């Protein structure tokens, strides 16, 4: 089974459906048993929905994209 650091490193790929079925299954299995990783996944899903809702008519400012990338990169493993 995958460890938290692996799951969190791959969570964006998982949400974008860019992982193979085996990897997806491993992440799903981990999420069912790890409340902390599940909360982080749910936060990212909520963030995506909010951004899509608020920014769907205007192009996303590069400054916002950079800030989001910086925040995601600075999350503890």
N, C-alpha and C. Protein backbone atom coordinates (compact mmCIF):
# COMPACT_ATOMS: atom_id res chain seq x y z
N UNK A 1 0.84 -1.18 0.00
CA UNK A 1 0.00 0.00 0.00
C UNK A 1 0.88 1.24 0.00
N UNK A 2 0.39 2.28 -0.64
CA UNK A 2 1.14 3.53 -0.72
C UNK A 2 1.17 4.23 0.64
N UNK A 3 2.22 5.00 0.87
CA UNK A 3 2.35 5.81 2.07
C UNK A 3 1.83 7.21 1.79
N UNK A 4 1.55 7.96 2.85
CA UNK A 4 0.98 9.30 2.72
C UNK A 4 1.79 10.20 1.79
N UNK A 5 3.10 10.20 1.92
CA UNK A 5 3.91 11.09 1.09
C UNK A 5 3.76 10.75 -0.39
N UNK A 6 3.65 9.48 -0.73
CA UNK A 6 3.44 9.08 -2.12
C UNK A 6 2.07 9.51 -2.63
N UNK A 7 1.06 9.31 -1.80
CA UNK A 7 -0.31 9.66 -2.19
C UNK A 7 -0.41 11.17 -2.42
N UNK A 8 0.11 11.95 -1.49
CA UNK A 8 0.01 13.40 -1.61
C UNK A 8 0.82 13.93 -2.79
N UNK A 9 1.90 13.26 -3.11
CA UNK A 9 2.72 13.66 -4.26
C UNK A 9 1.97 13.39 -5.57
N UNK A 10 1.11 12.37 -5.58
CA UNK A 10 0.41 11.97 -6.80
C UNK A 10 -1.06 12.38 -6.84
N UNK A 11 -1.53 13.10 -5.81
CA UNK A 11 -2.97 13.36 -5.70
C UNK A 11 -3.50 14.19 -6.86
N UNK A 12 -2.73 15.15 -7.35
CA UNK A 12 -3.19 15.96 -8.48
C UNK A 12 -3.32 15.11 -9.74
N UNK A 13 -2.38 14.21 -9.96
CA UNK A 13 -2.46 13.30 -11.10
C UNK A 13 -3.68 12.40 -10.97
N UNK A 14 -3.95 11.97 -9.75
CA UNK A 14 -5.12 11.14 -9.48
C UNK A 14 -6.40 11.91 -9.80
N UNK A 15 -6.50 13.14 -9.31
CA UNK A 15 -7.69 13.96 -9.55
C UNK A 15 -7.88 14.29 -11.02
N UNK A 16 -6.78 14.40 -11.75
CA UNK A 16 -6.83 14.68 -13.19
C UNK A 16 -7.01 13.40 -14.01
N UNK A 17 -7.11 12.28 -13.34
CA UNK A 17 -7.26 10.97 -13.98
C UNK A 17 -6.12 10.68 -14.95
N UNK A 18 -4.92 10.99 -14.50
CA UNK A 18 -3.72 10.79 -15.32
C UNK A 18 -2.88 9.61 -14.85
N UNK A 19 -3.40 8.84 -13.92
CA UNK A 19 -2.67 7.66 -13.44
C UNK A 19 -3.30 6.40 -14.02
N UNK A 20 -2.51 5.35 -14.10
CA UNK A 20 -3.05 4.08 -14.59
C UNK A 20 -3.99 3.50 -13.53
N UNK A 21 -4.85 2.58 -13.93
CA UNK A 21 -5.85 2.02 -13.01
C UNK A 21 -5.26 1.40 -11.74
N UNK A 22 -4.10 0.79 -11.84
CA UNK A 22 -3.48 0.19 -10.66
C UNK A 22 -3.10 1.26 -9.66
N UNK A 23 -2.48 2.35 -10.14
CA UNK A 23 -2.10 3.46 -9.26
C UNK A 23 -3.33 4.07 -8.62
N UNK A 24 -4.40 4.25 -9.40
CA UNK A 24 -5.65 4.81 -8.88
C UNK A 24 -6.21 3.93 -7.77
N UNK A 25 -6.19 2.65 -7.98
CA UNK A 25 -6.70 1.72 -6.98
C UNK A 25 -5.89 1.80 -5.68
N UNK A 26 -4.59 1.91 -5.81
CA UNK A 26 -3.74 2.01 -4.62
C UNK A 26 -4.03 3.28 -3.85
N UNK A 27 -4.20 4.39 -4.58
CA UNK A 27 -4.51 5.66 -3.91
C UNK A 27 -5.88 5.58 -3.25
N UNK A 28 -6.87 5.04 -3.94
CA UNK A 28 -8.21 4.91 -3.37
C UNK A 28 -8.20 4.04 -2.12
N UNK A 29 -7.45 2.98 -2.16
CA UNK A 29 -7.32 2.09 -1.00
C UNK A 29 -6.70 2.86 0.18
N UNK A 30 -5.68 3.65 -0.10
CA UNK A 30 -5.04 4.45 0.94
C UNK A 30 -6.03 5.47 1.51
N UNK A 31 -6.75 6.14 0.63
CA UNK A 31 -7.69 7.18 1.08
C UNK A 31 -8.79 6.63 1.97
N UNK A 32 -9.20 5.40 1.74
CA UNK A 32 -10.25 4.81 2.58
C UNK A 32 -9.76 4.56 4.00
N UNK A 33 -8.45 4.45 4.19
CA UNK A 33 -7.92 4.18 5.52
C UNK A 33 -7.15 5.31 6.15
N UNK A 34 -7.06 6.45 5.47
CA UNK A 34 -6.25 7.56 5.98
C UNK A 34 -7.07 8.85 5.93
N UNK A 35 -7.61 9.23 7.07
CA UNK A 35 -8.44 10.43 7.15
C UNK A 35 -7.69 11.70 6.79
N UNK A 36 -6.43 11.77 7.14
CA UNK A 36 -5.63 12.96 6.85
C UNK A 36 -5.48 13.18 5.34
N UNK A 37 -5.13 12.13 4.64
CA UNK A 37 -4.97 12.24 3.17
C UNK A 37 -6.32 12.48 2.50
N UNK A 38 -7.36 11.86 3.03
CA UNK A 38 -8.70 12.06 2.48
C UNK A 38 -9.12 13.52 2.64
N UNK A 39 -8.83 14.12 3.78
CA UNK A 39 -9.14 15.54 3.99
C UNK A 39 -8.39 16.42 2.99
N UNK A 40 -7.13 16.12 2.77
CA UNK A 40 -6.35 16.91 1.81
C UNK A 40 -6.90 16.75 0.40
N UNK A 41 -7.30 15.54 0.05
CA UNK A 41 -7.91 15.31 -1.27
C UNK A 41 -9.20 16.10 -1.40
N UNK A 42 -10.05 16.04 -0.38
CA UNK A 42 -11.32 16.76 -0.42
C UNK A 42 -11.10 18.26 -0.50
N UNK A 43 -10.08 18.77 0.20
CA UNK A 43 -9.76 20.19 0.11
C UNK A 43 -9.38 20.56 -1.32
N UNK A 44 -8.55 19.75 -1.94
CA UNK A 44 -8.13 20.04 -3.31
C UNK A 44 -9.30 19.99 -4.28
N UNK A 45 -10.21 19.05 -4.08
CA UNK A 45 -11.41 18.97 -4.92
C UNK A 45 -12.24 20.24 -4.73
N UNK A 46 -12.44 20.65 -3.49
CA UNK A 46 -13.21 21.86 -3.20
C UNK A 46 -12.54 23.09 -3.79
N UNK A 47 -11.23 23.15 -3.70
CA UNK A 47 -10.49 24.27 -4.26
C UNK A 47 -10.66 24.33 -5.77
N UNK A 48 -10.60 23.20 -6.43
CA UNK A 48 -10.80 23.15 -7.88
C UNK A 48 -12.19 23.64 -8.27
N UNK A 49 -13.20 23.21 -7.51
CA UNK A 49 -14.57 23.63 -7.79
C UNK A 49 -14.72 25.14 -7.61
N UNK A 50 -14.17 25.65 -6.52
CA UNK A 50 -14.25 27.08 -6.25
C UNK A 50 -13.55 27.90 -7.33
N UNK A 51 -12.38 27.48 -7.71
CA UNK A 51 -11.63 28.18 -8.76
C UNK A 51 -12.39 28.14 -10.08
N UNK A 52 -12.92 26.98 -10.42
CA UNK A 52 -13.68 26.86 -11.67
C UNK A 52 -14.91 27.76 -11.65
N UNK A 53 -15.57 27.83 -10.51
CA UNK A 53 -16.78 28.64 -10.39
C UNK A 53 -16.46 30.13 -10.47
N UNK A 54 -15.43 30.55 -9.76
CA UNK A 54 -15.10 31.97 -9.68
C UNK A 54 -14.30 32.48 -10.87
N UNK A 55 -13.61 31.62 -11.54
CA UNK A 55 -12.70 32.07 -12.60
C UNK A 55 -13.08 31.55 -13.97
N UNK A 56 -14.26 31.01 -14.11
CA UNK A 56 -14.61 30.38 -15.38
C UNK A 56 -14.79 31.37 -16.52
N UNK A 57 -15.09 32.61 -16.20
CA UNK A 57 -15.33 33.59 -17.27
C UNK A 57 -14.10 34.42 -17.60
N UNK A 58 -13.19 34.47 -16.70
CA UNK A 58 -11.98 35.26 -16.89
C UNK A 58 -10.78 34.33 -16.91
N UNK A 59 -9.75 34.71 -17.65
CA UNK A 59 -8.54 33.88 -17.61
C UNK A 59 -7.94 33.93 -16.20
N UNK A 60 -7.37 32.81 -15.79
CA UNK A 60 -6.76 32.75 -14.47
C UNK A 60 -5.49 33.58 -14.46
N UNK A 61 -5.41 34.53 -13.53
CA UNK A 61 -4.19 35.36 -13.46
C UNK A 61 -2.97 34.51 -13.13
N UNK A 62 -1.90 34.77 -13.81
CA UNK A 62 -0.66 34.01 -13.58
C UNK A 62 -0.22 34.10 -12.13
N UNK A 63 -0.45 35.23 -11.51
CA UNK A 63 -0.08 35.43 -10.11
C UNK A 63 -0.82 34.42 -9.21
N UNK A 64 -2.09 34.17 -9.49
CA UNK A 64 -2.86 33.20 -8.73
C UNK A 64 -2.33 31.79 -8.96
N UNK A 65 -2.07 31.44 -10.20
CA UNK A 65 -1.52 30.13 -10.50
C UNK A 65 -0.20 29.89 -9.78
N UNK A 66 0.67 30.91 -9.81
CA UNK A 66 1.96 30.80 -9.13
C UNK A 66 1.79 30.62 -7.63
N UNK A 67 0.84 31.35 -7.05
CA UNK A 67 0.60 31.26 -5.60
C UNK A 67 0.07 29.87 -5.23
N UNK A 68 -0.85 29.35 -6.01
CA UNK A 68 -1.40 28.02 -5.74
C UNK A 68 -0.31 26.96 -5.85
N UNK A 69 0.51 27.05 -6.88
CA UNK A 69 1.62 26.09 -7.03
C UNK A 69 2.58 26.17 -5.85
N UNK A 70 2.85 27.39 -5.43
CA UNK A 70 3.76 27.60 -4.29
C UNK A 70 3.17 26.98 -3.02
N UNK A 71 1.90 27.21 -2.79
CA UNK A 71 1.24 26.64 -1.60
C UNK A 71 1.25 25.11 -1.63
N UNK A 72 0.94 24.54 -2.78
CA UNK A 72 0.93 23.08 -2.89
C UNK A 72 2.32 22.51 -2.71
N UNK A 73 3.32 23.19 -3.23
CA UNK A 73 4.70 22.70 -3.11
C UNK A 73 5.20 22.81 -1.68
N UNK A 74 4.66 23.74 -0.91
CA UNK A 74 5.15 23.94 0.46
C UNK A 74 4.43 23.08 1.49
N UNK A 75 3.42 22.31 1.08
CA UNK A 75 2.72 21.44 2.01
C UNK A 75 3.68 20.41 2.56
N UNK A 76 3.58 20.16 3.88
CA UNK A 76 4.46 19.12 4.45
C UNK A 76 4.11 17.75 3.89
N UNK A 77 5.13 16.94 3.80
CA UNK A 77 4.94 15.57 3.26
C UNK A 77 4.22 14.70 4.24
